Amino acid sequence: MSESVSLVVTGMKCGGCETNVKTKLNAIDGVISVEAMNKEKKVDVEFDAEKTTIETISQAIADAGFVVE
């Protein structure tokens, strides 16, 4: 079952930051798509709720060095 979430993420300052977040999240089994937007301080994620959780996604963003509000 596919779910979508929009997370407020601070600390992204450039396209490289967006790429870093996308790479980390796309490595998670169950993540279907990621859109990271540093200017909007937002990350939109579509994921399979049977394979991963919002908590896992948030932790991956934190592990990449950014803050999920």
PDB file of N, CA and C in Angstrom:
ATOM      1  N   MET A   1       0.838  -1.179   0.000  1.00  0.00           N
ATOM      2  CA  MET A   1       0.000   0.000   0.000  1.00  0.00           C
ATOM      3  C   MET A   1       0.886   1.247   0.000  1.00  0.00           C
ATOM      4  N   SER A   2       0.694   2.088  -0.972  1.00  0.00           N
ATOM      5  CA  SER A   2       1.508   3.284  -1.143  1.00  0.00           C
ATOM      6  C   SER A   2       0.972   4.433  -0.286  1.00  0.00           C
ATOM      7  N   GLU A   3       1.888   5.121   0.383  1.00  0.00           N
ATOM      8  CA  GLU A   3       1.551   6.309   1.159  1.00  0.00           C
ATOM      9  C   GLU A   3       2.482   7.433   0.748  1.00  0.00           C
ATOM     10  N   SER A   4       2.067   8.666   1.002  1.00  0.00           N
ATOM     11  CA  SER A   4       2.902   9.831   0.724  1.00  0.00           C
ATOM     12  C   SER A   4       2.999  10.680   1.977  1.00  0.00           C
ATOM     13  N   VAL A   5       4.164  11.313   2.143  1.00  0.00           N
ATOM     14  CA  VAL A   5       4.370  12.199   3.278  1.00  0.00           C
ATOM     15  C   VAL A   5       5.211  13.380   2.817  1.00  0.00           C
ATOM     16  N   SER A   6       4.904  14.558   3.360  1.00  0.00           N
ATOM     17  CA  SER A   6       5.720  15.752   3.143  1.00  0.00           C
ATOM     18  C   SER A   6       6.352  16.098   4.480  1.00  0.00           C
ATOM     19  N   LEU A   7       7.681  16.146   4.500  1.00  0.00           N
ATOM     20  CA  LEU A   7       8.410  16.432   5.734  1.00  0.00           C
ATOM     21  C   LEU A   7       9.093  17.787   5.613  1.00  0.00           C
ATOM     22  N   VAL A   8       9.056  18.568   6.685  1.00  0.00           N
ATOM     23  CA  VAL A   8       9.800  19.819   6.744  1.00  0.00           C
ATOM     24  C   VAL A   8      11.209  19.458   7.188  1.00  0.00           C
ATOM     25  N   VAL A   9      12.190  19.799   6.345  1.00  0.00           N
ATOM     26  CA  VAL A   9      13.584  19.437   6.596  1.00  0.00           C
ATOM     27  C   VAL A   9      14.442  20.696   6.540  1.00  0.00           C
ATOM     28  N   THR A  10      15.179  20.952   7.612  1.00  0.00           N
ATOM     29  CA  THR A  10      16.062  22.108   7.626  1.00  0.00           C
ATOM     30  C   THR A  10      17.509  21.653   7.488  1.00  0.00           C
ATOM     31  N   GLY A  11      18.324  22.564   6.981  1.00  0.00           N
ATOM     32  CA  GLY A  11      19.741  22.280   6.817  1.00  0.00           C
ATOM     33  C   GLY A  11      20.157  22.047   5.377  1.00  0.00           C
ATOM     34  N   MET A  12      19.197  21.794   4.481  1.00  0.00           N
ATOM     35  CA  MET A  12      19.532  21.644   3.067  1.00  0.00           C
ATOM     36  C   MET A  12      19.789  23.038   2.492  1.00  0.00           C
ATOM     37  N   LYS A  13      20.933  23.224   1.841  1.00  0.00           N
ATOM     38  CA  LYS A  13      21.285  24.546   1.351  1.00  0.00           C
ATOM     39  C   LYS A  13      21.528  24.601  -0.164  1.00  0.00           C
ATOM     40  N   CYS A  14      21.609  23.423  -0.814  1.00  0.00           N
ATOM     41  CA  CYS A  14      21.963  23.426  -2.230  1.00  0.00           C
ATOM     42  C   CYS A  14      21.459  22.161  -2.915  1.00  0.00           C
ATOM     43  N   GLY A  15      21.706  22.094  -4.206  1.00  0.00           N
ATOM     44  CA  GLY A  15      21.333  20.905  -4.972  1.00  0.00           C
ATOM     45  C   GLY A  15      22.059  19.661  -4.498  1.00  0.00           C
ATOM     46  N   GLY A  16      23.286  19.835  -4.018  1.00  0.00           N
ATOM     47  CA  GLY A  16      24.033  18.694  -3.494  1.00  0.00           C
ATOM     48  C   GLY A  16      23.359  18.108  -2.264  1.00  0.00           C
ATOM     49  N   CYS A  17      22.806  18.976  -1.431  1.00  0.00           N
ATOM     50  CA  CYS A  17      22.069  18.512  -0.256  1.00  0.00           C
ATOM     51  C   CYS A  17      20.833  17.725  -0.683  1.00  0.00           C
ATOM     52  N   GLU A  18      20.128  18.239  -1.680  1.00  0.00           N
ATOM     53  CA  GLU A  18      18.954  17.536  -2.199  1.00  0.00           C
ATOM     54  C   GLU A  18      19.343  16.155  -2.713  1.00  0.00           C
ATOM     55  N   THR A  19      20.434  16.094  -3.459  1.00  0.00           N
ATOM     56  CA  THR A  19      20.908  14.816  -4.001  1.00  0.00           C
ATOM     57  C   THR A  19      21.278  13.852  -2.881  1.00  0.00           C
ATOM     58  N   ASN A  20      21.922  14.363  -1.842  1.00  0.00           N
ATOM     59  CA  ASN A  20      22.299  13.531  -0.702  1.00  0.00           C
ATOM     60  C   ASN A  20      21.061  12.906  -0.056  1.00  0.00           C
ATOM     61  N   VAL A  21      20.034  13.713   0.175  1.00  0.00           N
ATOM     62  CA  VAL A  21      18.796  13.211   0.773  1.00  0.00           C
ATOM     63  C   VAL A  21      18.142  12.177  -0.144  1.00  0.00           C
ATOM     64  N   LYS A  22      18.051  12.491  -1.434  1.00  0.00           N
ATOM     65  CA  LYS A  22      17.443  11.553  -2.385  1.00  0.00           C
ATOM     66  C   LYS A  22      18.175  10.219  -2.404  1.00  0.00           C
ATOM     67  N   THR A  23      19.506  10.267  -2.408  1.00  0.00           N
ATOM     68  CA  THR A  23      20.309   9.037  -2.443  1.00  0.00           C
ATOM     69  C   THR A  23      20.053   8.192  -1.198  1.00  0.00           C
ATOM     70  N   LYS A  24      20.065   8.829  -0.031  1.00  0.00           N
ATOM     71  CA  LYS A  24      19.829   8.107   1.226  1.00  0.00           C
ATOM     72  C   LYS A  24      18.444   7.469   1.240  1.00  0.00           C
ATOM     73  N   LEU A  25      17.442   8.218   0.817  1.00  0.00           N
ATOM     74  CA  LEU A  25      16.077   7.702   0.886  1.00  0.00           C
ATOM     75  C   LEU A  25      15.810   6.643  -0.181  1.00  0.00           C
ATOM     76  N   ASN A  26      16.360   6.826  -1.372  1.00  0.00           N
ATOM     77  CA  ASN A  26      16.151   5.824  -2.424  1.00  0.00           C
ATOM     78  C   ASN A  26      16.816   4.493  -2.098  1.00  0.00           C
ATOM     79  N   ALA A  27      17.758   4.494  -1.161  1.00  0.00           N
ATOM     80  CA  ALA A  27      18.415   3.250  -0.742  1.00  0.00           C
ATOM     81  C   ALA A  27      17.546   2.424   0.209  1.00  0.00           C
ATOM     82  N   ILE A  28      16.474   3.013   0.716  1.00  0.00           N
ATOM     83  CA  ILE A  28      15.579   2.319   1.647  1.00  0.00           C
ATOM     84  C   ILE A  28      14.601   1.457   0.861  1.00  0.00           C
ATOM     85  N   ASP A  29      14.525   0.175   1.214  1.00  0.00           N
ATOM     86  CA  ASP A  29      13.570  -0.725   0.581  1.00  0.00           C
ATOM     87  C   ASP A  29      12.153  -0.219   0.873  1.00  0.00           C
ATOM     88  N   GLY A  30      11.385  -0.014  -0.157  1.00  0.00           N
ATOM     89  CA  GLY A  30      10.014   0.449   0.004  1.00  0.00           C
ATOM     90  C   GLY A  30       9.801   1.890  -0.411  1.00  0.00           C
ATOM     91  N   VAL A  31      10.876   2.660  -0.547  1.00  0.00           N
ATOM     92  CA  VAL A  31      10.727   4.041  -1.008  1.00  0.00           C
ATOM     93  C   VAL A  31      10.501   4.013  -2.520  1.00  0.00           C
ATOM     94  N   ILE A  32       9.438   4.648  -2.950  1.00  0.00           N
ATOM     95  CA  ILE A  32       9.045   4.644  -4.362  1.00  0.00           C
ATOM     96  C   ILE A  32       9.569   5.881  -5.082  1.00  0.00           C
ATOM     97  N   SER A  33       9.396   7.051  -4.468  1.00  0.00           N
ATOM     98  CA  SER A  33       9.894   8.281  -5.080  1.00  0.00           C
ATOM     99  C   SER A  33      10.218   9.309  -4.007  1.00  0.00           C
ATOM    100  N   VAL A  34      11.158  10.200  -4.364  1.00  0.00           N
ATOM    101  CA  VAL A  34      11.595  11.256  -3.443  1.00  0.00           C
ATOM    102  C   VAL A  34      11.736  12.557  -4.225  1.00  0.00           C
ATOM    103  N   GLU A  35      11.229  13.636  -3.648  1.00  0.00           N
ATOM    104  CA  GLU A  35      11.486  14.967  -4.185  1.00  0.00           C
ATOM    105  C   GLU A  35      11.952  15.830  -3.028  1.00  0.00           C
ATOM    106  N   ALA A  36      13.199  16.294  -3.107  1.00  0.00           N
ATOM    107  CA  ALA A  36      13.767  17.158  -2.066  1.00  0.00           C
ATOM    108  C   ALA A  36      13.884  18.571  -2.624  1.00  0.00           C
ATOM    109  N   MET A  37      13.397  19.549  -1.852  1.00  0.00           N
ATOM    110  CA  MET A  37      13.406  20.936  -2.294  1.00  0.00           C
ATOM    111  C   MET A  37      14.001  21.806  -1.195  1.00  0.00           C
ATOM    112  N   ASN A  38      15.272  22.195  -1.363  1.00  0.00           N
ATOM    113  CA  ASN A  38      15.936  22.945  -0.302  1.00  0.00           C
ATOM    114  C   ASN A  38      15.335  24.324  -0.087  1.00  0.00           C
ATOM    115  N   LYS A  39      14.899  24.992  -1.134  1.00  0.00           N
ATOM    116  CA  LYS A  39      14.338  26.339  -0.972  1.00  0.00           C
ATOM    117  C   LYS A  39      13.029  26.312  -0.189  1.00  0.00           C
ATOM    118  N   GLU A  40      12.255  25.260  -0.364  1.00  0.00           N
ATOM    119  CA  GLU A  40      10.984  25.119   0.348  1.00  0.00           C
ATOM    120  C   GLU A  40      11.158  24.408   1.683  1.00  0.00           C
ATOM    121  N   LYS A  41      12.374  23.926   1.962  1.00  0.00           N
ATOM    122  CA  LYS A  41      12.666  23.150   3.179  1.00  0.00           C
ATOM    123  C   LYS A  41      11.698  21.982   3.307  1.00  0.00           C
ATOM    124  N   LYS A  42      11.553  21.232   2.197  1.00  0.00           N
ATOM    125  CA  LYS A  42      10.555  20.176   2.156  1.00  0.00           C
ATOM    126  C   LYS A  42      11.092  18.954   1.422  1.00  0.00           C
ATOM    127  N   VAL A  43      10.704  17.792   1.919  1.00  0.00           N
ATOM    128  CA  VAL A  43      10.998  16.533   1.236  1.00  0.00           C
ATOM    129  C   VAL A  43       9.684  15.759   1.127  1.00  0.00           C
ATOM    130  N   ASP A  44       9.301  15.448  -0.104  1.00  0.00           N
ATOM    131  CA  ASP A  44       8.106  14.642  -0.361  1.00  0.00           C
ATOM    132  C   ASP A  44       8.551  13.221  -0.668  1.00  0.00           C
ATOM    133  N   VAL A  45       7.937  12.263   0.012  1.00  0.00           N
ATOM    134  CA  VAL A  45       8.318  10.864  -0.167  1.00  0.00           C
ATOM    135  C   VAL A  45       7.069  10.021  -0.388  1.00  0.00           C
ATOM    136  N   GLU A  46       7.109   9.190  -1.422  1.00  0.00           N
ATOM    137  CA  GLU A  46       6.088   8.169  -1.627  1.00  0.00           C
ATOM    138  C   GLU A  46       6.743   6.849  -1.262  1.00  0.00           C
ATOM    139  N   PHE A  47       6.055   6.045  -0.448  1.00  0.00           N
ATOM    140  CA  PHE A  47       6.658   4.807   0.020  1.00  0.00           C
ATOM    141  C   PHE A  47       5.614   3.721   0.221  1.00  0.00           C
ATOM    142  N   ASP A  48       6.097   2.483   0.266  1.00  0.00           N
ATOM    143  CA  ASP A  48       5.256   1.321   0.526  1.00  0.00           C
ATOM    144  C   ASP A  48       5.225   1.129   2.040  1.00  0.00           C
ATOM    145  N   ALA A  49       4.080   1.371   2.653  1.00  0.00           N
ATOM    146  CA  ALA A  49       3.949   1.307   4.114  1.00  0.00           C
ATOM    147  C   ALA A  49       4.127  -0.106   4.663  1.00  0.00           C
ATOM    148  N   GLU A  50       4.090  -1.102   3.800  1.00  0.00           N
ATOM    149  CA  GLU A  50       4.320  -2.477   4.255  1.00  0.00           C
ATOM    150  C   GLU A  50       5.810  -2.794   4.331  1.00  0.00           C
ATOM    151  N   LYS A  51       6.652  -1.941   3.735  1.00  0.00           N
ATOM    152  CA  LYS A  51       8.095  -2.193   3.711  1.00  0.00           C
ATOM    153  C   LYS A  51       8.907  -1.220   4.558  1.00  0.00           C
ATOM    154  N   THR A  52       8.399  -0.009   4.759  1.00  0.00           N
ATOM    155  CA  THR A  52       9.148   0.983   5.542  1.00  0.00           C
ATOM    156  C   THR A  52       8.182   1.911   6.262  1.00  0.00           C
ATOM    157  N   THR A  53       8.737   2.765   7.136  1.00  0.00           N
ATOM    158  CA  THR A  53       7.915   3.658   7.954  1.00  0.00           C
ATOM    159  C   THR A  53       8.411   5.096   7.833  1.00  0.00           C
ATOM    160  N   ILE A  54       7.569   6.013   8.269  1.00  0.00           N
ATOM    161  CA  ILE A  54       7.970   7.422   8.308  1.00  0.00           C
ATOM    162  C   ILE A  54       9.156   7.594   9.252  1.00  0.00           C
ATOM    163  N   GLU A  55       9.181   6.821  10.329  1.00  0.00           N
ATOM    164  CA  GLU A  55      10.289   6.909  11.287  1.00  0.00           C
ATOM    165  C   GLU A  55      11.613   6.516  10.633  1.00  0.00           C
ATOM    166  N   THR A  56      11.602   5.470   9.826  1.00  0.00           N
ATOM    167  CA  THR A  56      12.819   5.039   9.122  1.00  0.00           C
ATOM    168  C   THR A  56      13.269   6.109   8.134  1.00  0.00           C
ATOM    169  N   ILE A  57      12.323   6.695   7.434  1.00  0.00           N
ATOM    170  CA  ILE A  57      12.624   7.761   6.471  1.00  0.00           C
ATOM    171  C   ILE A  57      13.206   8.974   7.196  1.00  0.00           C
ATOM    172  N   SER A  58      12.580   9.370   8.295  1.00  0.00           N
ATOM    173  CA  SER A  58      13.065  10.512   9.076  1.00  0.00           C
ATOM    174  C   SER A  58      14.467  10.265   9.618  1.00  0.00           C
ATOM    175  N   GLN A  59      14.726   9.047  10.076  1.00  0.00           N
ATOM    176  CA  GLN A  59      16.049   8.713  10.613  1.00  0.00           C
ATOM    177  C   GLN A  59      17.111   8.771   9.519  1.00  0.00           C
ATOM    178  N   ALA A  60      16.782   8.333   8.322  1.00  0.00           N
ATOM    179  CA  ALA A  60      17.735   8.390   7.209  1.00  0.00           C
ATOM    180  C   ALA A  60      18.079   9.837   6.865  1.00  0.00           C
ATOM    181  N   ILE A  61      17.090  10.717   6.926  1.00  0.00           N
ATOM    182  CA  ILE A  61      17.347  12.136   6.678  1.00  0.00           C
ATOM    183  C   ILE A  61      18.260  12.696   7.770  1.00  0.00           C
ATOM    184  N   ALA A  62      17.996  12.343   9.017  1.00  0.00           N
ATOM    185  CA  ALA A  62      18.829  12.773  10.130  1.00  0.00           C
ATOM    186  C   ALA A  62      20.255  12.230   9.991  1.00  0.00           C
ATOM    187  N   ASP A  63      20.373  10.973   9.573  1.00  0.00           N
ATOM    188  CA  ASP A  63      21.688  10.361   9.374  1.00  0.00           C
ATOM    189  C   ASP A  63      22.477  11.067   8.272  1.00  0.00           C
ATOM    190  N   ALA A  64      21.750  11.682   7.326  1.00  0.00           N
ATOM    191  CA  ALA A  64      22.390  12.429   6.254  1.00  0.00           C
ATOM    192  C   ALA A  64      22.843  13.816   6.718  1.00  0.00           C
ATOM    193  N   GLY A  65      22.489  14.182   7.949  1.00  0.00           N
ATOM    194  CA  GLY A  65      22.950  15.439   8.515  1.00  0.00           C
ATOM    195  C   GLY A  65      21.934  16.572   8.509  1.00  0.00           C
ATOM    196  N   PHE A  66      20.672  16.245   8.300  1.00  0.00           N
ATOM    197  CA  PHE A  66      19.626  17.265   8.230  1.00  0.00           C
ATOM    198  C   PHE A  66      18.619  17.048   9.352  1.00  0.00           C
ATOM    199  N   VAL A  67      17.810  18.059   9.617  1.00  0.00           N
ATOM    200  CA  VAL A  67      16.858  18.006  10.723  1.00  0.00           C
ATOM    201  C   VAL A  67      15.438  17.926  10.177  1.00  0.00           C
ATOM    202  N   VAL A  68      14.704  16.901  10.637  1.00  0.00           N
ATOM    203  CA  VAL A  68      13.292  16.770  10.290  1.00  0.00           C
ATOM    204  C   VAL A  68      12.505  17.474  11.387  1.00  0.00           C
ATOM    205  N   GLU A  69      11.744  18.476  10.995  1.00  0.00           N
ATOM    206  CA  GLU A  69      10.977  19.263  11.983  1.00  0.00           C
ATOM    207  C   GLU A  69       9.742  18.525  12.433  1.00  0.00           C
TER     208      GLU A  69
END
